[in-house]
Amino acid sequence: MSTVEKVALGLVIAFLAMAALRLLSGPLKTTLRVVGNTVLGFCALWLLNLTTGFTGLHLGLNLFNALTVGILGLPGFGLLVLLQWVLT
């Protein structure tokens, strides 16, 4: 392989990498936002469980609850409390 062919191959690979990065940047941002909100939801549930003695509320620390609180926010928290109240 000559030097010209190597440079051309490098440019094609760089172009394809840039195109793939542009195509995946939207879904990647959305995925990172959902992961970040899930972590915040998990932290909110953990803080709630620290105050169980005062509030009497206890919600499990699991991925479903964290996703619900993280994505829906305060309405998601209300939904989980209502669901716990109905099922217990």
N, C-alpha and C. Protein backbone atom coordinates (compact mmCIF):
# COMPACT_ATOMS: atom_id res chain seq x y z
N MET A 1 0.84 -1.16 0.00
CA MET A 1 0.00 0.00 0.00
C MET A 1 0.90 1.24 0.00
N SER A 2 0.63 2.14 -0.91
CA SER A 2 1.47 3.34 -1.02
C SER A 2 1.02 4.39 -0.01
N THR A 3 1.80 5.41 0.11
CA THR A 3 1.50 6.49 1.06
C THR A 3 0.21 7.20 0.69
N VAL A 4 -0.03 7.40 -0.58
CA VAL A 4 -1.25 8.07 -1.02
C VAL A 4 -2.48 7.24 -0.64
N GLU A 5 -2.39 5.93 -0.83
CA GLU A 5 -3.50 5.05 -0.47
C GLU A 5 -3.74 5.07 1.04
N LYS A 6 -2.68 5.10 1.83
CA LYS A 6 -2.82 5.15 3.29
C LYS A 6 -3.49 6.45 3.73
N VAL A 7 -3.10 7.56 3.14
CA VAL A 7 -3.70 8.86 3.48
C VAL A 7 -5.17 8.87 3.08
N ALA A 8 -5.47 8.35 1.89
CA ALA A 8 -6.86 8.31 1.42
C ALA A 8 -7.71 7.43 2.34
N LEU A 9 -7.17 6.29 2.75
CA LEU A 9 -7.88 5.40 3.66
C LEU A 9 -8.10 6.07 5.01
N GLY A 10 -7.11 6.78 5.50
CA GLY A 10 -7.23 7.52 6.76
C GLY A 10 -8.30 8.59 6.68
N LEU A 11 -8.37 9.30 5.57
CA LEU A 11 -9.39 10.33 5.39
C LEU A 11 -10.79 9.73 5.33
N VAL A 12 -10.92 8.60 4.65
CA VAL A 12 -12.23 7.93 4.57
C VAL A 12 -12.66 7.46 5.96
N ILE A 13 -11.75 6.88 6.71
CA ILE A 13 -12.08 6.42 8.06
C ILE A 13 -12.46 7.60 8.96
N ALA A 14 -11.73 8.71 8.85
CA ALA A 14 -12.04 9.90 9.65
C ALA A 14 -13.41 10.46 9.26
N PHE A 15 -13.71 10.47 7.97
CA PHE A 15 -15.01 10.94 7.52
C PHE A 15 -16.13 10.06 8.06
N LEU A 16 -15.97 8.75 7.99
CA LEU A 16 -16.99 7.83 8.49
C LEU A 16 -17.17 7.96 10.01
N ALA A 17 -16.07 8.16 10.71
CA ALA A 17 -16.15 8.34 12.16
C ALA A 17 -16.91 9.61 12.52
N MET A 18 -16.63 10.70 11.80
CA MET A 18 -17.34 11.96 12.05
C MET A 18 -18.83 11.83 11.71
N ALA A 19 -19.15 11.14 10.62
CA ALA A 19 -20.54 10.94 10.24
C ALA A 19 -21.28 10.10 11.28
N ALA A 20 -20.65 9.06 11.77
CA ALA A 20 -21.26 8.22 12.81
C ALA A 20 -21.47 9.01 14.09
N LEU A 21 -20.52 9.84 14.45
CA LEU A 21 -20.64 10.66 15.66
C LEU A 21 -21.80 11.64 15.54
N ARG A 22 -21.96 12.25 14.37
CA ARG A 22 -23.08 13.17 14.17
C ARG A 22 -24.42 12.45 14.21
N LEU A 23 -24.47 11.25 13.64
CA LEU A 23 -25.72 10.50 13.64
C LEU A 23 -26.11 10.03 15.04
N LEU A 24 -25.13 9.70 15.85
CA LEU A 24 -25.41 9.16 17.18
C LEU A 24 -25.45 10.21 18.28
N SER A 25 -25.17 11.47 17.97
CA SER A 25 -25.10 12.48 19.02
C SER A 25 -26.47 12.74 19.64
N GLY A 26 -27.54 12.71 18.86
CA GLY A 26 -28.89 12.93 19.40
C GLY A 26 -29.30 11.83 20.36
N PRO A 27 -29.28 10.57 19.94
CA PRO A 27 -29.64 9.49 20.86
C PRO A 27 -28.69 9.40 22.06
N LEU A 28 -27.42 9.75 21.86
CA LEU A 28 -26.47 9.70 22.97
C LEU A 28 -26.81 10.74 24.01
N LYS A 29 -27.20 11.95 23.58
CA LYS A 29 -27.60 12.99 24.52
C LYS A 29 -28.84 12.56 25.29
N THR A 30 -29.81 11.98 24.60
CA THR A 30 -31.03 11.51 25.25
C THR A 30 -30.72 10.42 26.26
N THR A 31 -29.86 9.49 25.88
CA THR A 31 -29.49 8.40 26.79
C THR A 31 -28.79 8.92 28.03
N LEU A 32 -27.87 9.85 27.84
CA LEU A 32 -27.16 10.42 28.99
C LEU A 32 -28.11 11.21 29.88
N ARG A 33 -29.08 11.90 29.31
CA ARG A 33 -30.06 12.64 30.11
C ARG A 33 -30.91 11.68 30.95
N VAL A 34 -31.34 10.58 30.35
CA VAL A 34 -32.15 9.59 31.09
C VAL A 34 -31.32 8.96 32.20
N VAL A 35 -30.07 8.63 31.93
CA VAL A 35 -29.20 8.04 32.96
C VAL A 35 -28.99 9.04 34.10
N GLY A 36 -28.74 10.30 33.77
CA GLY A 36 -28.56 11.33 34.80
C GLY A 36 -29.80 11.52 35.64
N ASN A 37 -30.97 11.56 34.99
CA ASN A 37 -32.22 11.69 35.74
C ASN A 37 -32.50 10.48 36.61
N THR A 38 -32.12 9.31 36.14
CA THR A 38 -32.30 8.10 36.94
C THR A 38 -31.43 8.14 38.19
N VAL A 39 -30.21 8.61 38.05
CA VAL A 39 -29.32 8.74 39.22
C VAL A 39 -29.90 9.75 40.20
N LEU A 40 -30.43 10.86 39.70
CA LEU A 40 -31.05 11.84 40.59
C LEU A 40 -32.30 11.27 41.26
N GLY A 41 -33.08 10.49 40.53
CA GLY A 41 -34.25 9.84 41.12
C GLY A 41 -33.85 8.85 42.20
N PHE A 42 -32.77 8.11 41.96
CA PHE A 42 -32.27 7.18 42.97
C PHE A 42 -31.85 7.93 44.23
N CYS A 43 -31.17 9.06 44.04
CA CYS A 43 -30.75 9.86 45.20
C CYS A 43 -31.95 10.41 45.96
N ALA A 44 -32.99 10.83 45.24
CA ALA A 44 -34.20 11.33 45.90
C ALA A 44 -34.88 10.22 46.70
N LEU A 45 -34.93 9.02 46.15
CA LEU A 45 -35.53 7.91 46.90
C LEU A 45 -34.69 7.54 48.11
N TRP A 46 -33.39 7.62 47.97
CA TRP A 46 -32.50 7.33 49.10
C TRP A 46 -32.71 8.35 50.22
N LEU A 47 -32.82 9.63 49.84
CA LEU A 47 -33.08 10.67 50.85
C LEU A 47 -34.45 10.48 51.49
N LEU A 48 -35.44 10.07 50.72
CA LEU A 48 -36.76 9.80 51.28
C LEU A 48 -36.68 8.67 52.30
N ASN A 49 -35.93 7.63 51.98
CA ASN A 49 -35.83 6.50 52.90
C ASN A 49 -35.05 6.85 54.15
N LEU A 50 -34.21 7.88 54.09
CA LEU A 50 -33.54 8.35 55.31
C LEU A 50 -34.51 9.01 56.28
N THR A 51 -35.59 9.57 55.74
CA THR A 51 -36.57 10.27 56.58
C THR A 51 -37.80 9.42 56.88
N THR A 52 -37.71 8.13 56.72
CA THR A 52 -38.86 7.25 56.94
C THR A 52 -39.40 7.37 58.36
N GLY A 53 -38.54 7.55 59.33
CA GLY A 53 -38.98 7.68 60.72
C GLY A 53 -39.86 8.90 60.94
N PHE A 54 -39.60 9.97 60.22
CA PHE A 54 -40.37 11.20 60.37
C PHE A 54 -41.62 11.22 59.49
N THR A 55 -41.48 10.75 58.26
CA THR A 55 -42.58 10.86 57.31
C THR A 55 -43.46 9.62 57.24
N GLY A 56 -42.93 8.48 57.57
CA GLY A 56 -43.69 7.24 57.45
C GLY A 56 -43.74 6.70 56.03
N LEU A 57 -43.10 7.38 55.10
CA LEU A 57 -43.08 6.93 53.71
C LEU A 57 -41.83 6.10 53.46
N HIS A 58 -42.01 4.99 52.78
CA HIS A 58 -40.87 4.15 52.41
C HIS A 58 -41.13 3.59 51.02
N LEU A 59 -40.24 3.91 50.10
CA LEU A 59 -40.30 3.35 48.75
C LEU A 59 -39.01 2.59 48.49
N GLY A 60 -39.11 1.49 47.79
CA GLY A 60 -37.95 0.65 47.53
C GLY A 60 -36.94 1.34 46.63
N LEU A 61 -35.68 1.05 46.87
CA LEU A 61 -34.61 1.57 46.02
C LEU A 61 -34.35 0.54 44.92
N ASN A 62 -34.97 0.76 43.77
CA ASN A 62 -34.74 -0.13 42.64
C ASN A 62 -34.76 0.69 41.34
N LEU A 63 -34.41 0.06 40.26
CA LEU A 63 -34.28 0.76 38.99
C LEU A 63 -35.62 1.30 38.50
N PHE A 64 -36.69 0.54 38.67
CA PHE A 64 -38.01 0.99 38.21
C PHE A 64 -38.42 2.27 38.94
N ASN A 65 -38.30 2.28 40.26
CA ASN A 65 -38.68 3.47 41.03
C ASN A 65 -37.79 4.65 40.68
N ALA A 66 -36.50 4.41 40.52
CA ALA A 66 -35.57 5.49 40.19
C ALA A 66 -35.89 6.06 38.81
N LEU A 67 -36.20 5.21 37.83
CA LEU A 67 -36.58 5.69 36.50
C LEU A 67 -37.88 6.48 36.56
N THR A 68 -38.84 6.01 37.33
CA THR A 68 -40.12 6.70 37.43
C THR A 68 -39.95 8.09 38.03
N VAL A 69 -39.24 8.18 39.14
CA VAL A 69 -39.02 9.49 39.77
C VAL A 69 -38.09 10.35 38.91
N GLY A 70 -37.08 9.75 38.30
CA GLY A 70 -36.14 10.52 37.49
C GLY A 70 -36.76 11.10 36.24
N ILE A 71 -37.60 10.35 35.57
CA ILE A 71 -38.17 10.81 34.31
C ILE A 71 -39.41 11.67 34.54
N LEU A 72 -40.29 11.24 35.43
CA LEU A 72 -41.54 11.97 35.63
C LEU A 72 -41.42 13.07 36.68
N GLY A 73 -40.40 13.00 37.53
CA GLY A 73 -40.21 14.03 38.54
C GLY A 73 -41.20 13.89 39.69
N LEU A 74 -41.73 15.03 40.16
CA LEU A 74 -42.65 15.02 41.29
C LEU A 74 -43.93 14.24 41.01
N PRO A 75 -44.52 14.34 39.80
CA PRO A 75 -45.68 13.48 39.53
C PRO A 75 -45.34 11.99 39.60
N GLY A 76 -44.15 11.61 39.22
CA GLY A 76 -43.73 10.20 39.34
C GLY A 76 -43.62 9.78 40.78
N PHE A 77 -43.11 10.68 41.61
CA PHE A 77 -43.03 10.39 43.04
C PHE A 77 -44.44 10.21 43.62
N GLY A 78 -45.34 11.12 43.24
CA GLY A 78 -46.73 11.00 43.69
C GLY A 78 -47.37 9.71 43.22
N LEU A 79 -47.08 9.32 42.00
CA LEU A 79 -47.59 8.07 41.45
C LEU A 79 -47.11 6.87 42.27
N LEU A 80 -45.83 6.85 42.63
CA LEU A 80 -45.30 5.74 43.42
C LEU A 80 -45.89 5.70 44.82
N VAL A 81 -46.07 6.87 45.44
CA VAL A 81 -46.68 6.92 46.78
C VAL A 81 -48.11 6.44 46.71
N LEU A 82 -48.85 6.89 45.70
CA LEU A 82 -50.24 6.47 45.52
C LEU A 82 -50.33 4.97 45.25
N LEU A 83 -49.42 4.47 44.44
CA LEU A 83 -49.39 3.03 44.14
C LEU A 83 -49.09 2.22 45.40
N GLN A 84 -48.17 2.70 46.23
CA GLN A 84 -47.87 2.00 47.48
C GLN A 84 -49.06 2.03 48.41
N TRP A 85 -49.76 3.16 48.47
CA TRP A 85 -50.91 3.30 49.35
C TRP A 85 -52.04 2.38 48.91
N VAL A 86 -52.25 2.24 47.59
CA VAL A 86 -53.33 1.39 47.07
C VAL A 86 -52.99 -0.09 47.30
N LEU A 87 -51.73 -0.46 47.11
CA LEU A 87 -51.37 -1.88 47.19
C LEU A 87 -51.13 -2.38 48.60
N THR A 88 -50.98 -1.49 49.57
CA THR A 88 -50.75 -1.97 50.95
C THR A 88 -51.93 -1.71 51.84
